[in-house]
Protein backbone atom coordinates (compact mmCIF):
# COMPACT_ATOMS: atom_id res chain seq x y z
CA MET A 1 -102.75 190.49 -134.65
CA THR A 2 -104.65 193.35 -136.14
CA THR A 3 -103.79 195.74 -138.95
CA ILE A 4 -105.05 199.16 -139.95
CA PRO A 5 -106.79 198.99 -142.28
CA SER A 6 -107.97 195.49 -141.37
CA SER A 7 -106.34 192.79 -143.44
CA ASN A 8 -105.67 189.10 -143.24
CA LEU A 9 -102.57 189.31 -145.34
CA PHE A 10 -100.18 189.45 -142.42
CA SER A 11 -99.39 187.04 -139.56
CA ILE A 12 -96.79 187.74 -136.84
CA GLY A 13 -95.70 185.11 -134.36
CA LEU A 14 -94.31 185.62 -130.84
CA LYS A 15 -91.39 188.00 -131.00
CA CYS A 16 -89.47 189.49 -128.07
CA ARG A 17 -89.16 192.90 -129.67
CA THR A 18 -91.25 196.05 -130.06
CA GLN A 19 -89.92 197.11 -133.45
CA ILE A 20 -90.35 195.08 -136.61
CA ALA A 21 -88.97 196.08 -140.00
CA PHE A 22 -90.89 195.11 -143.15
CA GLU A 23 -89.66 195.16 -146.74
CA VAL A 24 -92.57 195.50 -149.14
CA THR A 25 -92.45 194.76 -152.88
CA CYS A 26 -95.46 195.34 -155.15
CA GLN A 27 -96.16 193.68 -158.48
CA ASP A 28 -99.13 193.23 -160.81
CA PRO A 29 -99.55 190.97 -163.80
CA TYR A 30 -98.67 193.74 -166.18
CA HIS A 31 -95.78 195.56 -164.63
CA SER A 32 -92.39 194.85 -163.17
CA PRO A 33 -92.08 194.60 -159.38
CA VAL A 34 -91.75 197.84 -157.48
CA GLY A 35 -89.75 198.06 -154.28
CA PRO A 36 -88.76 196.87 -151.88
CA VAL A 37 -89.91 199.55 -149.51
CA SER A 38 -88.81 199.39 -145.84
CA ILE A 39 -91.49 199.87 -143.27
CA GLN A 40 -90.84 200.05 -139.51
CA ALA A 41 -93.66 198.79 -137.40
CA THR A 42 -94.01 199.41 -133.68
CA LEU A 43 -95.70 196.72 -131.70
CA GLN A 44 -97.92 198.00 -128.95
CA GLY A 45 -98.06 196.03 -125.70
CA ALA A 46 -95.19 193.71 -126.74
CA ASN A 47 -92.91 192.03 -124.12
CA ASP A 48 -89.43 193.48 -124.01
CA GLN A 49 -86.41 191.17 -124.23
CA PRO A 50 -84.04 191.53 -121.23
CA THR A 51 -80.71 193.09 -122.06
CA ILE A 52 -77.40 192.54 -120.20
CA THR A 53 -74.70 195.21 -120.05
CA GLY A 54 -71.44 195.75 -118.19
CA ILE A 55 -70.09 192.36 -119.13
CA ASN A 56 -68.60 190.86 -122.32
CA THR A 57 -65.06 191.38 -121.09
CA ALA A 58 -62.02 189.49 -119.71
CA VAL A 59 -60.57 189.66 -116.20
CA ASP A 60 -57.44 188.27 -114.46
CA LYS A 61 -57.89 186.94 -110.94
CA ALA A 62 -55.20 185.57 -108.60
CA GLU A 63 -55.76 182.04 -107.39
CA ASP A 64 -55.73 183.14 -103.76
CA ILE A 65 -58.75 185.42 -104.17
CA ALA A 66 -61.14 184.89 -101.29
CA VAL A 67 -64.18 182.70 -101.73
CA GLY A 68 -67.27 184.93 -102.12
CA SER A 69 -65.35 187.72 -103.83
CA VAL A 70 -67.25 189.41 -106.70
CA LEU A 71 -65.56 189.00 -110.06
CA LEU A 72 -67.78 191.45 -111.92
CA PRO A 73 -71.21 193.08 -111.50
CA PHE A 74 -73.50 193.43 -114.51
CA THR A 75 -76.77 195.18 -115.36
CA VAL A 76 -80.02 193.60 -116.61
CA THR A 77 -82.56 195.86 -118.26
CA ASP A 78 -86.17 194.69 -118.43
CA LYS A 79 -89.43 196.14 -117.20
CA ASP A 80 -90.34 192.74 -115.94
CA ALA A 81 -88.63 190.72 -113.24
CA THR A 82 -85.84 188.55 -114.56
CA THR A 83 -84.02 185.39 -113.61
CA CYS A 84 -80.44 184.78 -114.73
CA THR A 85 -78.43 181.60 -115.19
CA LEU A 86 -74.71 180.93 -115.47
CA THR A 87 -72.82 178.27 -117.41
CA THR A 88 -69.10 177.74 -117.93
CA THR A 89 -66.77 176.41 -120.55
CA PRO A 90 -65.15 174.09 -119.63
CA LEU A 91 -67.95 172.60 -117.61
CA ASP A 92 -65.52 171.67 -114.75
CA SER A 93 -65.09 175.36 -113.97
CA LEU A 94 -68.66 175.51 -112.74
CA GLN A 95 -67.31 174.40 -109.34
CA TYR A 96 -65.41 177.68 -109.01
CA PHE A 97 -68.01 180.31 -110.08
CA GLN A 98 -71.63 181.17 -109.33
CA LEU A 99 -74.12 184.01 -109.54
CA GLY A 100 -73.67 186.05 -106.41
CA ALA A 101 -75.97 186.59 -103.52
CA GLN A 102 -75.96 190.23 -104.54
CA ALA A 103 -78.16 190.87 -107.56
CA ASN A 104 -76.53 190.61 -110.95
CA THR A 105 -73.02 189.66 -109.83
CA ILE A 106 -70.63 186.80 -110.55
CA GLU A 107 -68.65 185.62 -107.56
CA VAL A 108 -66.05 183.01 -106.54
CA LYS A 109 -67.72 179.82 -105.35
CA SER A 110 -64.62 177.84 -104.19
CA THR A 111 -60.85 178.29 -103.98
CA LEU A 112 -59.30 178.81 -107.39
CA ASP A 113 -56.36 176.66 -108.43
CA TYR A 114 -53.90 177.85 -111.02
CA GLU A 115 -52.22 174.43 -111.07
CA GLN A 116 -55.39 172.85 -112.51
CA ILE A 117 -54.50 173.46 -116.11
CA ASN A 118 -57.91 172.49 -117.54
CA THR A 119 -59.71 175.16 -115.55
CA ARG A 120 -57.01 177.81 -115.57
CA ASN A 121 -58.96 179.83 -118.17
CA THR A 122 -62.77 179.84 -118.11
CA ASN A 123 -65.47 181.39 -120.30
CA ILE A 124 -68.57 182.24 -118.24
CA THR A 125 -71.89 182.65 -120.08
CA VAL A 126 -74.81 184.52 -118.49
CA THR A 127 -78.41 184.67 -119.78
CA CYS A 128 -81.48 186.25 -118.19
CA THR A 129 -85.20 185.70 -118.79
CA ASP A 130 -88.43 187.38 -117.72
CA GLY A 131 -90.42 184.24 -118.28
CA PHE A 132 -91.32 185.09 -121.84
CA CYS A 133 -88.21 186.41 -123.43
CA THR A 134 -84.58 185.48 -122.91
CA SER A 135 -81.69 187.87 -123.22
CA GLU A 136 -78.85 187.54 -125.60
CA LYS A 137 -75.86 185.65 -124.16
CA ALA A 138 -73.33 187.71 -122.23
CA TYR A 139 -69.78 186.55 -121.61
CA LEU A 140 -67.04 186.95 -119.01
CA TYR A 141 -63.62 185.42 -119.74
CA VAL A 142 -61.68 184.68 -116.49
CA ARG A 143 -57.94 184.04 -116.46
CA ILE A 144 -56.56 182.60 -113.16
CA THR A 145 -53.06 183.83 -112.27
CA ASP A 146 -50.49 181.95 -110.17
CA VAL A 147 -49.67 182.79 -106.55
CA ASN A 148 -46.67 181.14 -104.88
CA GLU A 149 -47.95 178.79 -102.19
CA PRO A 150 -46.09 177.57 -99.08
CA ILE A 151 -43.82 174.54 -99.34
CA GLU A 152 -43.58 171.71 -96.80
CA LEU A 153 -40.62 169.34 -96.36
CA LEU A 154 -41.31 165.73 -95.35
CA PRO A 155 -40.63 163.49 -93.55
CA LYS A 156 -40.19 165.29 -90.26
CA ASP A 157 -37.64 164.23 -87.62
CA PHE A 158 -36.57 160.84 -88.93
CA SER A 159 -33.48 158.60 -88.85
CA LEU A 160 -31.24 157.00 -91.47
CA THR A 161 -28.58 154.30 -91.17
CA THR A 162 -25.57 153.95 -93.44
CA ASP A 163 -22.11 152.39 -93.48
CA GLU A 164 -18.90 154.25 -92.76
CA GLY A 165 -16.70 155.33 -95.65
CA LEU A 166 -17.52 157.85 -98.36
CA ILE A 167 -21.19 158.48 -97.65
CA SER A 168 -23.72 159.44 -100.30
CA LEU A 169 -27.37 158.79 -99.56
CA ASP A 170 -30.80 159.93 -100.66
CA PRO A 171 -32.89 160.75 -97.59
CA GLY A 172 -36.08 160.39 -99.63
CA TRP A 173 -37.27 163.97 -99.25
CA ILE A 174 -40.85 164.81 -100.20
CA THR A 175 -41.67 168.44 -100.93
CA LEU A 176 -45.35 169.40 -100.88
CA ASP A 177 -45.78 172.46 -103.09
CA GLU A 178 -48.80 173.12 -105.28
CA ASP A 179 -46.83 175.42 -107.51
CA LEU A 180 -45.74 174.10 -110.86
CA ASN A 181 -42.10 174.36 -111.88
CA ASP A 182 -41.23 175.80 -108.49
CA PHE A 183 -37.96 174.01 -107.87
CA PRO A 184 -36.89 173.87 -104.19
CA THR A 185 -33.41 174.62 -102.85
CA TYR A 186 -31.95 172.47 -100.02
CA THR A 187 -29.49 173.73 -97.39
CA ILE A 188 -28.12 172.45 -94.06
CA ILE A 189 -28.80 175.05 -91.38
CA GLY A 190 -28.00 173.12 -88.16
CA GLY A 191 -26.32 170.09 -86.63
CA ASN A 192 -23.60 168.71 -88.89
CA THR A 193 -20.79 168.30 -86.34
CA ASN A 194 -17.48 169.61 -87.69
CA GLY A 195 -19.09 170.21 -91.08
CA ARG A 196 -18.71 166.59 -92.10
CA PHE A 197 -21.75 166.58 -94.42
CA THR A 198 -22.94 168.56 -97.43
CA ILE A 199 -26.26 168.54 -99.26
CA ASP A 200 -26.94 168.92 -102.97
CA PRO A 201 -29.04 172.10 -103.26
CA SER A 202 -31.11 170.71 -106.12
CA SER A 203 -31.65 167.04 -105.24
CA GLY A 204 -31.26 167.08 -101.44
CA ARG A 205 -28.74 164.21 -101.58
CA VAL A 206 -26.51 164.09 -98.47
CA SER A 207 -22.79 163.31 -98.81
CA SER A 208 -19.80 163.25 -96.47
CA THR A 209 -17.00 165.73 -97.08
CA LEU A 210 -14.40 163.02 -96.47
CA GLU A 211 -14.18 159.30 -95.79
CA TYR A 212 -16.12 158.81 -92.58
CA ASP A 213 -14.30 156.39 -90.25
CA VAL A 214 -15.80 155.36 -86.91
CA ASP A 215 -12.76 153.25 -85.92
CA PRO A 216 -10.85 152.35 -83.86
CA ASN A 217 -13.05 149.84 -82.08
CA VAL A 218 -16.26 151.89 -82.25
CA ARG A 219 -19.50 150.17 -83.24
CA PHE A 220 -21.22 153.27 -84.63
CA ASP A 221 -21.31 157.04 -84.63
CA THR A 222 -24.22 159.46 -85.01
CA ASP A 223 -24.77 162.96 -86.30
CA PHE A 224 -27.87 164.99 -87.06
CA LEU A 225 -28.68 167.54 -89.74
CA ILE A 226 -31.31 170.27 -89.77
CA VAL A 227 -32.25 170.63 -93.43
CA GLN A 228 -34.17 173.59 -94.86
CA VAL A 229 -35.95 173.74 -98.20
CA GLU A 230 -36.94 177.04 -99.83
CA ASP A 231 -39.13 177.61 -102.89
CA GLN A 232 -38.82 180.37 -105.44
CA GLY A 233 -41.33 182.47 -103.56
CA GLY A 234 -39.20 182.46 -100.41
CA HIS A 235 -41.36 180.02 -98.46
CA GLN A 236 -39.33 177.72 -96.19
CA SER A 237 -39.76 174.43 -94.36
CA THR A 238 -37.34 172.39 -92.22
CA SER A 239 -36.80 168.80 -91.12
CA THR A 240 -34.27 167.02 -88.88
CA VAL A 241 -32.57 163.79 -89.92
CA THR A 242 -30.39 161.73 -87.57
CA ILE A 243 -27.73 159.70 -89.37
CA THR A 244 -26.25 156.58 -87.75
CA ILE A 245 -22.93 155.51 -89.29
CA LEU A 246 -22.18 151.83 -88.74
CA ASP A 247 -18.78 150.19 -88.49
CA ILE A 248 -17.86 148.04 -91.47
CA ASN A 249 -15.10 145.50 -91.76
CA ASP A 250 -12.48 147.80 -93.27
CA ASN A 251 -9.44 146.99 -91.10
CA ARG A 252 -7.25 143.93 -91.41
CA PRO A 253 -5.82 142.12 -88.40
CA VAL A 254 -2.26 143.17 -87.52
CA PHE A 255 0.34 141.09 -85.70
CA ASN A 256 2.57 143.03 -83.35
CA PRO A 257 5.26 141.87 -83.24
CA GLN A 258 5.22 140.18 -86.62
CA THR A 259 8.25 138.04 -85.79
CA MET A 260 8.32 135.81 -82.71
CA GLN A 261 10.81 133.22 -81.48
CA PHE A 262 10.42 130.62 -78.75
CA THR A 263 13.07 128.19 -77.46
CA ILE A 264 12.03 125.00 -75.70
CA ASP A 265 13.67 121.78 -74.58
CA ASP A 266 12.73 118.63 -76.40
CA CYS A 267 11.30 117.21 -73.19
CA ALA A 268 9.34 120.35 -72.35
CA SER A 269 6.73 120.04 -75.10
CA ARG A 270 4.02 117.56 -74.54
CA ILE A 271 1.58 116.69 -77.28
CA GLY A 272 -1.46 119.01 -77.25
CA VAL A 273 -0.04 121.34 -74.59
CA PRO A 274 0.46 124.95 -75.79
CA ILE A 275 4.05 126.13 -76.05
CA ALA A 276 3.10 129.83 -76.32
CA THR A 277 0.45 132.06 -77.91
CA VAL A 278 0.37 134.47 -80.85
CA ALA A 279 -2.00 137.46 -80.94
CA ALA A 280 -3.13 140.11 -83.42
CA THR A 281 -5.23 143.27 -83.09
CA ASP A 282 -8.04 144.64 -85.29
CA ASP A 283 -9.11 148.29 -85.23
CA ASP A 284 -12.68 147.41 -86.19
CA SER A 285 -15.35 146.99 -83.52
CA ASP A 286 -17.09 143.78 -82.57
CA TYR A 287 -20.12 144.82 -84.66
CA GLU A 288 -21.03 141.78 -86.78
CA GLY A 289 -17.80 140.13 -85.63
CA ASN A 290 -15.54 142.61 -87.41
CA ASN A 291 -12.74 142.26 -84.83
CA VAL A 292 -13.37 138.68 -83.70
CA LEU A 293 -10.22 136.83 -84.77
CA THR A 294 -9.35 133.21 -85.47
CA TYR A 295 -5.85 131.95 -86.13
CA SER A 296 -4.35 129.29 -88.36
CA GLY A 297 -1.00 127.98 -89.55
CA GLY A 298 1.35 125.07 -89.10
CA ASN A 299 4.64 123.44 -89.99
CA GLY A 300 5.46 119.82 -89.30
CA PRO A 301 4.44 118.86 -85.76
CA ILE A 302 3.69 122.50 -84.83
CA ILE A 303 0.26 124.06 -85.50
CA ILE A 304 -1.43 127.36 -84.64
CA SER A 305 -4.83 126.71 -83.04
CA SER A 306 -7.90 128.84 -83.74
CA THR A 307 -7.25 130.70 -80.46
CA GLY A 308 -3.60 131.41 -81.32
CA ASP A 309 -1.96 128.70 -79.22
CA ILE A 310 1.25 127.17 -80.57
CA ILE A 311 0.70 123.44 -80.06
CA PRO A 312 2.81 120.35 -80.90
CA THR A 313 0.69 117.62 -82.43
CA SER A 314 3.38 114.93 -82.14
CA SER A 315 6.73 114.33 -80.46
CA ILE A 316 9.40 116.81 -81.40
CA SER A 317 13.10 116.12 -81.30
CA GLY A 318 15.80 118.35 -79.97
CA GLY A 319 18.03 120.10 -82.45
CA ASN A 320 15.17 121.02 -84.82
CA THR A 321 13.85 124.45 -85.70
CA TYR A 322 10.35 125.02 -87.00
CA VAL A 323 9.26 128.24 -88.73
CA VAL A 324 5.47 128.59 -88.72
CA SER A 325 3.50 131.21 -90.67
CA ALA A 326 0.61 132.30 -88.43
CA GLN A 327 -2.45 133.87 -90.07
CA ALA A 328 -5.25 135.85 -88.38
CA THR A 329 -8.72 136.12 -89.95
CA ASP A 330 -11.60 138.25 -88.67
CA ALA A 331 -15.26 137.22 -88.64
CA GLY A 332 -16.55 140.24 -90.57
CA SER A 333 -18.38 140.10 -93.86
CA PRO A 334 -16.45 139.73 -96.02
CA SER A 335 -13.73 138.40 -93.75
CA LEU A 336 -10.23 139.88 -93.92
CA ASN A 337 -6.83 138.25 -93.33
CA ALA A 338 -3.77 139.90 -91.86
CA ALA A 339 -1.86 141.57 -94.67
CA THR A 340 1.39 140.21 -93.24
CA PRO A 341 1.29 136.85 -91.44
CA ALA A 342 3.38 136.47 -88.31
CA SER A 343 6.56 134.42 -88.54
CA VAL A 344 6.86 132.14 -85.51
CA THR A 345 10.16 130.31 -84.95
CA VAL A 346 10.22 127.40 -82.50
CA ILE A 347 13.74 126.23 -81.57
CA VAL A 348 13.89 122.82 -79.90
CA ARG A 349 17.02 122.30 -77.77
CA VAL A 350 18.45 118.90 -76.89
CA ARG A 351 17.28 117.97 -73.41
CA ALA A 352 19.84 118.73 -70.67
CA ASN A 353 20.57 116.49 -67.64
CA THR A 354 18.43 118.62 -65.42
CA SER A 355 15.00 119.76 -66.00
CA ASP A 356 12.43 121.79 -64.22
CA SER A 357 9.72 119.35 -65.18
CA LEU A 358 8.45 117.44 -62.12
CA ASP A 359 6.96 114.62 -64.12
CA GLU A 360 10.09 114.02 -66.17
CA ASN A 361 12.39 114.03 -63.03
CA LEU A 362 10.15 112.07 -60.71
CA GLY A 363 12.43 109.01 -60.87
CA TRP A 364 15.50 111.02 -59.98
CA ILE A 365 13.64 112.69 -57.15
CA VAL A 366 12.59 109.34 -55.66
CA ILE A 367 16.12 107.92 -55.86
CA ALA A 368 17.61 111.07 -54.36
CA GLY A 369 15.05 110.93 -51.58
CA LEU A 370 15.89 107.34 -50.71
CA LEU A 371 19.61 108.09 -50.65
CA ALA A 372 19.02 111.08 -48.44
CA THR A 373 16.98 108.96 -46.04
CA VAL A 374 19.76 106.37 -45.74
CA PHE A 375 22.32 109.09 -45.22
CA LEU A 376 20.29 110.76 -42.49
CA ALA A 377 19.72 107.43 -40.74
CA ALA A 378 23.44 106.66 -40.74
CA LEU A 379 24.24 110.12 -39.49
CA GLY A 380 21.71 109.83 -36.70
CA LEU A 381 23.11 106.47 -35.67
CA MET A 382 26.62 107.89 -35.52
CA LEU A 383 25.48 110.82 -33.43
CA TRP A 384 23.58 108.54 -31.14
CA LYS A 385 26.48 106.14 -30.85
CA PHE A 386 29.20 108.64 -30.18
CA CYS A 387 27.94 112.05 -29.24
CA TRP A 388 24.29 111.93 -28.16
CA PRO A 389 24.20 114.07 -24.96
CA ILE A 390 20.83 112.91 -23.63
CA VAL A 391 21.71 109.28 -23.76
CA CYS A 392 25.00 109.71 -21.97
CA ALA A 393 24.38 112.86 -19.96
CA THR A 394 24.43 111.16 -16.54
CA GLY A 395 27.79 109.58 -17.08
CA LYS A 396 26.42 106.45 -15.40
CA PRO A 397 26.50 103.75 -17.98
CA THR A 398 23.94 101.10 -17.81
CA MET A 399 24.23 97.64 -19.07
CA TYR A 400 22.30 98.70 -22.22
CA PHE A 401 24.03 101.97 -22.87
CA ASP A 402 27.39 100.47 -22.17
CA ARG A 403 26.93 98.65 -25.38
CA LEU A 404 25.74 101.68 -27.33
CA CYS A 405 27.45 104.79 -26.06
CA GLY A 406 30.83 105.56 -27.42
CA ASP A 407 33.82 106.92 -25.59
CA CYS A 408 32.82 110.51 -26.25
CA CYS A 409 29.81 110.22 -23.94
CA GLN A 410 31.47 108.20 -21.12
CA PRO A 411 33.47 109.76 -18.26
CA ARG A 412 37.14 109.46 -18.79
CA PRO A 413 39.08 107.71 -15.91
CA LYS A 414 41.13 110.03 -13.85
CA ALA A 415 44.86 109.77 -14.21
CA VAL A 416 45.72 108.51 -10.72
CA ARG A 417 48.37 106.30 -9.43
CA PRO A 418 46.88 103.08 -8.18
CA VAL A 419 47.59 102.28 -4.61
CA ARG A 420 47.98 98.78 -3.81
CA GLY A 421 45.44 97.51 -1.39
CA GLN A 422 43.06 100.56 -1.66
CA PRO A 423 39.67 100.56 -3.45
CA PRO A 424 39.21 102.71 -6.54
CA ARG A 425 37.91 106.21 -6.03
CA PRO A 426 34.61 107.34 -7.50
CA GLY A 427 34.91 108.09 -11.17
CA ASN A 428 37.91 105.94 -11.67
CA LYS A 429 36.63 102.99 -13.58
CA THR A 430 39.86 101.26 -14.24
CA PHE A 431 41.70 99.94 -11.25
CA TRP A 432 44.65 97.71 -11.03
CA GLN A 433 44.41 95.34 -8.16
CA GLU A 434 46.58 92.43 -7.36
């Protein structure tokens, strides 16, 4: 540098300013210091420092602002060409902001996200340089504001299976909503035959309005619900769930009638041969064997088989009465017994002289048949002997038939007076002749 007048007392380094202020104090060995005196010096030909204006402020921007939108323009003053740079605090916010394509602007680089708490508020710092001097830092404080985003309800069009009875099930709803603390509201807007289901508006849990019963004898029933979810901004989404209600083993077997009586002869019951059958009904369906029944019971020589047959296991004597308690059990899980067993009374009468049983009367039948044969033979012989028309129709006895035919088949002699010395007339067998 040079001074006027010329002096080597001063040295000034590189400064990005045209004005320099000096404070001068003078002192000699004999006097107290004088000053300081302020002196303003103007540097000729110095490089100006760029200056930035129109910034150093705060702005609020909604998170749905379009990418490429200008947040704020600013002005850079410098007689030389300048280049600016942008930094952010926090550093993660640098993904959202950039210097714009237009000169001296700050614009949105990517979609803002209010739900990203760490980058919700950002301090943007801008500096510019002409290659020699750099401007002072300029700031823009950006606050991102929330915008209610659409909600989506998942899964879509799915099925659930549950048991009959009082139904309460969680369909496993998933709500996709970027908004924080935006609690959805669930409603049923379709399906729901006869209004048999309700939904909790807060949790989405589905419940039946009463005890759901698919009986009698129905394996399953189905219904479908169209469920809508709505967020606090009024955005809506729907899904359809089909609910299949399965039969469970909730009905006990029932005997009808519950009291039965059978009377048999002591000779009519053979060992192992069913006397009669008991039966019960079950209003459940055959799903998982809920109405498949087996029977049991017994008293003395009488048992109830698994199929309900009343069977003697040994000889039974007439004059006895057996009361058997018959139980019916279904094959469901867990299995259920009849609440009231059937009372089966078997009365055994003393065997009468006659019976309808072929096997037991076979001896009598044989004897009766033999006697009948003898009787018919004797009768035939008598008819043949005395009254058989074919044998004796001619009225001309032969030597053989004379011995067999009786008087009823032979011509009777005419009642004539015998004439002595005359031969007998035809047809007159007897003749007196001297």
